[in-house]
Amino acid sequence: MTVKFLTLNTHSWMEVNSLKKLFDLGEYILEKQFDVICLQEINQGIASDLASAAPTYTALESSPDLRKDHFALQLVQYLKARGKTYYWSWAYNHIGYDKYHEGVAILSKTPLAAKDLLISDTDDDTNINTRRALWAETTIDERNFTIVNVHMSLLGKGFETQWPRLEAELEKVKSSLVVMGAFNNPTDETGYRMILDSSLNLQDSHVSAETVIGHHTISDAIDGWEENTLSLKVDHIFSSPDLRILSSHVAFDGGAAPVVSDHFGLEMEIE
């Protein structure tokens, strides 16, 4: 049996035609039947109406109450209406664009145990460099996995202390480990090398996979990369060396799946 993973920085409600893009994301999830999905920039309006029920949601103490317009809640509800149940959790990072609670979410076909980990030096939600990693443990086909979803700061903006703090916790993991998300550090540059040079002996899906498709996940100036003019891969999937990676594909680049965000996504299949 294979296991399928997806990571995507959604840009959430900041996208033009955001609801249509949420549906496009949902349809691709249904088509590919991903086992675990990590999503970043998952937003809800600070002043929006509270959600009434979210039966498959694992709430975390540091996260605000769910609002009806929570992007991941809307996605899970869409998937449920199409016949697919996902368990999920959400870790709150900071206030975005002066009007959103912004964080990271994990969706899993199988029940999960979730927690968050403050990896930034600051816990001030008005500071955009306040970052929490979302940590989920789940069992898929009788195999235990630890899944970690991150949306990290750029090097020089906080990554240099966020990564060592996360690394210290990851060293305690005994199960198969998958760390994915928006790392904001391009392939082969300093921050990226910090990850691969760590004692965790992680493998990059886009290096170790038997089949690799796509080269970059941003290609222009976007939020956080306003001066960028290059095609860069800043979204990654890293895993423990016990996993055999069959494929690593850039997704939502306008090919097999439409563009739904200012980032492309990344999918991985393991055996």
Foldseek 3Di string as FASTA:
>chain_A
DKAKEKEEAQCAPVDDVQVVLLVLVLVVCVVVVHFKYKYFFFKDFPPAAADDDDPLEDEEPQDDGHHPRGSVSVSQVVNVVVPAHWRKYWDFFADDPVTIGTTMMMTGSFRKDKYKAFLFPDPYRHDNQGWIKIWIWGADPNFIEIEIETAHAAVVSTLVRSVVSVLVVVVPDDGKYKYWYQQNAFPPDDSNVCVCVDPQVKDWLQVQAPEEEDDAWAAPQDVNRNPDHHGTHRTTMIIHPVWRWHYKYFACPCDPGPNRHNTTMIMTMTD
